[in-house]
Amino acid sequence: MSKYQQEWKKLLQKEEAFKDWKIRSSGGDLLIRVPEDTEMDVLKMQFLDLIGPYAPLIQSPKTMLKFYVGNTAESDFIFTLN
C-alpha cells in the first residue's frame, strides 16, 4: 500500500462525514462500501465534491488512486484520481 493510499484511507476513516463508509485497501486501490440506502447515481455525481476538499490535506506525493465505490457486493462506480 502506497503512502498516498494510506493517507487517503486514514483521512476518510477519521472524518465524521464518512463515518458510515467501510474503507479498505486492495493493492493500490481503495474499496469503499457505503450504506445500502445510498443513492448511488447521486453519490457518483457528487463524489469529487465530497472528497475534493480533503485533497490538500494529503502530504504524500500524488499517484494514481482508484476508489471502487459500491453499496452491494459489486462496485457501482470507479473514481480515479490522477
Protein backbone atom coordinates (compact mmCIF):
# COMPACT_ATOMS: atom_id res chain seq x y z
CA MET A 1 0.00 0.00 0.00
CA SER A 2 1.43 3.37 -1.01
CA LYS A 3 1.79 6.21 1.46
CA TYR A 4 -0.63 8.26 -0.65
CA GLN A 5 -3.23 5.48 -0.46
CA GLN A 6 -2.64 5.12 3.30
CA GLU A 7 -3.18 8.84 3.87
CA TRP A 8 -6.45 8.85 1.93
CA LYS A 9 -7.70 5.80 3.78
CA LYS A 10 -6.81 7.20 7.20
CA LEU A 11 -8.29 10.62 6.39
CA LEU A 12 -11.60 9.23 5.13
CA GLN A 13 -11.90 6.85 8.08
CA LYS A 14 -11.49 9.60 10.66
CA GLU A 15 -13.84 12.17 9.07
CA GLU A 16 -17.34 12.30 10.55
CA ALA A 17 -18.87 12.84 7.09
CA PHE A 18 -17.75 9.35 6.06
CA LYS A 19 -18.38 7.51 9.34
CA ASP A 20 -20.84 5.08 7.72
CA TRP A 21 -18.40 4.16 4.95
CA LYS A 22 -16.35 0.98 5.24
CA ILE A 23 -12.97 1.65 3.65
CA ARG A 24 -10.28 -0.89 2.95
CA SER A 25 -7.31 -1.09 0.66
CA SER A 26 -6.74 -3.61 -2.07
CA GLY A 27 -3.49 -3.49 -3.98
CA GLY A 28 -3.09 0.15 -4.97
CA ASP A 29 -6.80 0.95 -4.75
CA LEU A 30 -9.38 1.84 -2.11
CA LEU A 31 -12.58 -0.15 -1.79
CA ILE A 32 -15.43 1.84 -0.27
CA ARG A 33 -18.69 0.30 0.86
CA VAL A 34 -21.41 2.85 1.54
CA PRO A 35 -24.73 2.14 3.29
CA GLU A 36 -27.23 0.17 1.21
CA ASP A 37 -29.73 3.02 1.16
CA THR A 38 -27.24 5.38 -0.53
CA GLU A 39 -28.48 6.81 -3.83
CA MET A 40 -25.54 5.71 -5.97
CA ASP A 41 -26.31 7.90 -9.00
CA VAL A 42 -26.24 10.98 -6.78
CA LEU A 43 -23.09 9.86 -4.97
CA LYS A 44 -21.34 9.23 -8.28
CA MET A 45 -22.12 12.76 -9.46
CA GLN A 46 -21.09 14.34 -6.13
CA PHE A 47 -18.11 12.14 -5.25
CA LEU A 48 -15.45 14.64 -6.31
CA ASP A 49 -17.26 17.41 -4.42
CA LEU A 50 -17.29 15.22 -1.29
CA ILE A 51 -13.65 14.17 -1.26
CA GLY A 52 -12.13 17.13 -3.13
CA PRO A 53 -11.83 19.45 -0.12
CA TYR A 54 -9.69 16.82 1.63
CA ALA A 55 -7.11 16.52 -1.18
CA PRO A 56 -4.97 19.45 0.04
CA LEU A 57 -4.57 17.67 3.39
CA ILE A 58 -2.69 14.78 1.77
CA GLN A 59 1.04 15.32 2.18
CA SER A 60 2.44 12.39 0.17
CA PRO A 61 3.42 12.76 -3.48
CA LYS A 62 0.35 12.20 -5.58
CA THR A 63 -0.01 8.97 -7.51
CA MET A 64 -2.92 7.46 -9.38
CA LEU A 65 -5.52 6.10 -6.98
CA LYS A 66 -8.78 4.35 -7.79
CA PHE A 67 -11.77 4.41 -5.48
CA TYR A 68 -14.13 1.48 -6.06
CA VAL A 69 -17.41 2.62 -4.54
CA GLY A 70 -20.47 0.46 -4.02
CA ASN A 71 -23.30 -0.43 -1.70
CA THR A 72 -23.65 -4.10 -2.65
CA ALA A 73 -21.28 -6.98 -3.34
CA GLU A 74 -20.09 -5.28 -6.53
CA SER A 75 -18.72 -1.78 -7.05
CA ASP A 76 -21.20 0.64 -8.57
CA PHE A 77 -18.63 3.09 -9.90
CA ILE A 78 -14.92 3.70 -10.07
CA PHE A 79 -13.47 7.13 -9.38
CA THR A 80 -9.84 7.70 -10.39
CA LEU A 81 -7.56 10.39 -9.01
CA ASN A 82 -4.60 11.06 -11.29
